[in-house]
C-alpha atoms as a PDB file:
ATOM      1  CA  MET A   1      75.052 119.964  99.408  1.00  0.00           C
ATOM      2  CA  ALA A   2      78.450 121.103  98.050  1.00  0.00           C
ATOM      3  CA  LYS A   3      81.316 118.635  97.911  1.00  0.00           C
ATOM      4  CA  THR A   4      84.333 119.462 100.082  1.00  0.00           C
ATOM      5  CA  ILE A   5      87.508 119.745  98.030  1.00  0.00           C
ATOM      6  CA  LYS A   6      90.477 118.023  99.648  1.00  0.00           C
ATOM      7  CA  THR A   7      93.629 120.026  98.996  1.00  0.00           C
ATOM      8  CA  ARG A   8      97.222 118.910  99.513  1.00  0.00           C
ATOM      9  CA  THR A   9      99.688 121.738 100.060  1.00  0.00           C
ATOM     10  CA  ILE A  10     103.388 121.255  99.358  1.00  0.00           C
ATOM     11  CA  THR A  11     105.793 124.042 100.276  1.00  0.00           C
ATOM     12  CA  ILE A  12     109.358 124.046  98.973  1.00  0.00           C
ATOM     13  CA  SER A  13     111.853 126.336 100.698  1.00  0.00           C
ATOM     14  CA  GLU A  14     115.442 127.187  99.839  1.00  0.00           C
ATOM     15  CA  LYS A  15     117.764 127.283 102.847  1.00  0.00           C
ATOM     16  CA  GLY A  16     121.522 127.487 102.559  1.00  0.00           C
ATOM     17  CA  GLY A  17     121.610 126.425  98.928  1.00  0.00           C
ATOM     18  CA  THR A  18     119.357 123.367  99.303  1.00  0.00           C
ATOM     19  CA  PHE A  19     115.638 122.788  98.939  1.00  0.00           C
ATOM     20  CA  SER A  20     113.493 121.210 101.613  1.00  0.00           C
ATOM     21  CA  THR A  21     109.829 120.353 101.405  1.00  0.00           C
ATOM     22  CA  ILE A  22     106.939 120.585 103.816  1.00  0.00           C
ATOM     23  CA  PHE A  23     103.588 119.111 102.935  1.00  0.00           C
ATOM     24  CA  ARG A  24     100.348 119.392 104.844  1.00  0.00           C
ATOM     25  CA  ARG A  25      97.795 116.651 104.792  1.00  0.00           C
ATOM     26  CA  PHE A  26      94.098 117.462 104.601  1.00  0.00           C
ATOM     27  CA  LYS A  27      93.574 117.142 108.349  1.00  0.00           C
ATOM     28  CA  GLY A  28      96.278 119.708 109.079  1.00  0.00           C
ATOM     29  CA  THR A  29      99.129 117.401 110.063  1.00  0.00           C
ATOM     30  CA  LYS A  30     102.571 118.389 108.801  1.00  0.00           C
ATOM     31  CA  SER A  31     105.356 116.180 107.545  1.00  0.00           C
ATOM     32  CA  ARG A  32     108.896 117.187 106.573  1.00  0.00           C
ATOM     33  CA  SER A  33     111.177 115.740 103.976  1.00  0.00           C
ATOM     34  CA  SER A  34     114.727 116.999 103.628  1.00  0.00           C
ATOM     35  CA  GLU A  35     115.036 115.454 100.189  1.00  0.00           C
ATOM     36  CA  ILE A  36     113.331 116.935  97.166  1.00  0.00           C
ATOM     37  CA  ALA A  37     113.858 113.637  95.308  1.00  0.00           C
ATOM     38  CA  SER A  38     110.599 112.125  96.571  1.00  0.00           C
ATOM     39  CA  LEU A  39     108.713 115.185  95.328  1.00  0.00           C
ATOM     40  CA  ARG A  40     110.349 114.817  91.904  1.00  0.00           C
ATOM     41  CA  GLN A  41     109.206 111.199  91.832  1.00  0.00           C
ATOM     42  CA  LEU A  42     105.710 112.273  92.813  1.00  0.00           C
ATOM     43  CA  LEU A  43     105.359 114.529  89.769  1.00  0.00           C
ATOM     44  CA  SER A  44     105.845 111.847  87.098  1.00  0.00           C
ATOM     45  CA  ASN A  45     103.515 110.919  84.251  1.00  0.00           C
ATOM     46  CA  GLU A  46     103.164 107.382  85.638  1.00  0.00           C
ATOM     47  CA  LYS A  47     101.893 108.719  88.981  1.00  0.00           C
ATOM     48  CA  ALA A  48      99.453 111.026  87.168  1.00  0.00           C
ATOM     49  CA  ARG A  49      98.201 108.081  85.102  1.00  0.00           C
ATOM     50  CA  LEU A  50      97.865 105.931  88.228  1.00  0.00           C
ATOM     51  CA  LEU A  51      95.820 108.626  90.004  1.00  0.00           C
ATOM     52  CA  HIS A  52      93.631 109.116  86.929  1.00  0.00           C
ATOM     53  CA  ILE A  53      92.859 105.394  86.611  1.00  0.00           C
ATOM     54  CA  CYS A  54      92.108 105.142  90.352  1.00  0.00           C
ATOM     55  CA  LYS A  55      89.715 108.065  90.168  1.00  0.00           C
ATOM     56  CA  ILE A  56      87.961 107.055  86.920  1.00  0.00           C
ATOM     57  CA  LYS A  57      87.945 103.219  87.086  1.00  0.00           C
ATOM     58  CA  ASN A  58      87.784 102.813  90.893  1.00  0.00           C
ATOM     59  CA  PRO A  59      89.723  99.493  91.072  1.00  0.00           C
ATOM     60  CA  SER A  60      88.858  97.117  93.909  1.00  0.00           C
ATOM     61  CA  SER A  61      92.503  96.218  94.636  1.00  0.00           C
ATOM     62  CA  ILE A  62      96.097  97.081  93.816  1.00  0.00           C
ATOM     63  CA  TYR A  63      96.212  93.913  91.698  1.00  0.00           C
ATOM     64  CA  GLU A  64      93.263  95.110  89.599  1.00  0.00           C
ATOM     65  CA  LEU A  65      94.957  98.503  89.262  1.00  0.00           C
ATOM     66  CA  THR A  66      98.128  96.855  87.911  1.00  0.00           C
ATOM     67  CA  LYS A  67      96.039  95.070  85.266  1.00  0.00           C
ATOM     68  CA  LEU A  68      94.328  98.335  84.265  1.00  0.00           C
ATOM     69  CA  LEU A  69      97.715 100.063  83.989  1.00  0.00           C
ATOM     70  CA  SER A  70      99.437  97.087  82.291  1.00  0.00           C
ATOM     71  CA  ARG A  71     102.357  97.502  84.683  1.00  0.00           C
ATOM     72  CA  ASP A  72     104.345  95.300  87.068  1.00  0.00           C
ATOM     73  CA  PHE A  73     102.767  94.801  90.527  1.00  0.00           C
ATOM     74  CA  LYS A  74     105.963  95.720  92.391  1.00  0.00           C
ATOM     75  CA  ALA A  75     106.356  99.020  90.480  1.00  0.00           C
ATOM     76  CA  VAL A  76     102.728  99.972  91.060  1.00  0.00           C
ATOM     77  CA  ARG A  77     103.012  99.097  94.764  1.00  0.00           C
ATOM     78  CA  GLN A  78     106.060 101.397  95.101  1.00  0.00           C
ATOM     79  CA  ASP A  79     104.170 104.209  93.377  1.00  0.00           C
ATOM     80  CA  ILE A  80     101.189 103.645  95.683  1.00  0.00           C
ATOM     81  CA  ARG A  81     103.461 103.853  98.757  1.00  0.00           C
ATOM     82  CA  LEU A  82     104.857 107.209  97.639  1.00  0.00           C
ATOM     83  CA  LEU A  83     101.396 108.585  96.829  1.00  0.00           C
ATOM     84  CA  GLU A  84     100.137 107.311 100.186  1.00  0.00           C
ATOM     85  CA  GLN A  85     103.072 108.985 101.986  1.00  0.00           C
ATOM     86  CA  PHE A  86     102.101 112.340 100.450  1.00  0.00           C
ATOM     87  CA  GLY A  87      98.408 111.789 101.237  1.00  0.00           C
ATOM     88  CA  PHE A  88      97.164 111.444  97.659  1.00  0.00           C
ATOM     89  CA  ILE A  89      96.042 107.813  98.027  1.00  0.00           C
ATOM     90  CA  GLU A  90      94.350 106.046 100.903  1.00  0.00           C
ATOM     91  CA  LEU A  91      94.370 102.243 101.078  1.00  0.00           C
ATOM     92  CA  ILE A  92      91.153 100.670 102.351  1.00  0.00           C
ATOM     93  CA  SER A  93      91.617  97.173 103.730  1.00  0.00           C
ATOM     94  CA  SER A  94      89.045  94.427 103.172  1.00  0.00           C
ATOM     95  CA  HIS A  95      89.117  90.639 103.263  1.00  0.00           C
ATOM     96  CA  LYS A  96      87.929  88.260 100.561  1.00  0.00           C
ATOM     97  CA  HIS A  97      88.410  84.483 100.630  1.00  0.00           C
ATOM     98  CA  GLY A  98      90.746  84.824 103.637  1.00  0.00           C
ATOM     99  CA  ARG A  99      93.070  87.299 101.897  1.00  0.00           C
ATOM    100  CA  GLU A 100      93.529  90.973 102.565  1.00  0.00           C
ATOM    101  CA  ARG A 101      92.742  93.345  99.703  1.00  0.00           C
ATOM    102  CA  LEU A 102      93.986  96.906  99.664  1.00  0.00           C
ATOM    103  CA  ARG A 103      91.711  99.182  97.653  1.00  0.00           C
ATOM    104  CA  PRO A 104      93.386 102.400  96.476  1.00  0.00           C
ATOM    105  CA  ILE A 105      91.208 105.499  96.857  1.00  0.00           C
ATOM    106  CA  VAL A 106      92.271 108.937  95.601  1.00  0.00           C
ATOM    107  CA  ASP A 107      92.227 111.095  98.721  1.00  0.00           C
ATOM    108  CA  ALA A 108      92.875 114.534  97.184  1.00  0.00           C
ATOM    109  CA  ASP A 109      91.174 116.729  94.631  1.00  0.00           C
ATOM    110  CA  LYS A 110      93.709 119.522  94.362  1.00  0.00           C
ATOM    111  CA  VAL A 111      97.464 120.045  94.837  1.00  0.00           C
ATOM    112  CA  VAL A 112      98.985 123.431  95.630  1.00  0.00           C
ATOM    113  CA  ILE A 113     102.778 123.753  95.313  1.00  0.00           C
ATOM    114  CA  THR A 114     104.484 126.868  96.688  1.00  0.00           C
ATOM    115  CA  ILE A 115     108.175 127.613  96.216  1.00  0.00           C
ATOM    116  CA  ASN A 116     109.770 130.062  98.684  1.00  0.00           C
ATOM    117  CA  LEU A 117     113.115 131.453  97.534  1.00  0.00           C
END
């Protein structure tokens, strides 16, 4: 059985001298962002490294991910929020010893960026 490839599509359009973005999640829902700044943040080396570690090492929590990345928890959590907003990461909740654990799962295999001028 062939694996389904989950694709995230981001469309950037120029209107009146400014760029706006539209991204579609895998299930077909659309979200709009009038600021391109969040997209710029999304395309950083740290986010790429975070996604790579999540996919290869499969950490059981955000805390474990921060240890694998050797980064500050707060910075990793902010990166996770942005990646979750764009649909690249899904957080799976579980409970261990009375505490909630959020397990980051990479929820995309491919990103397509289109720029309409």
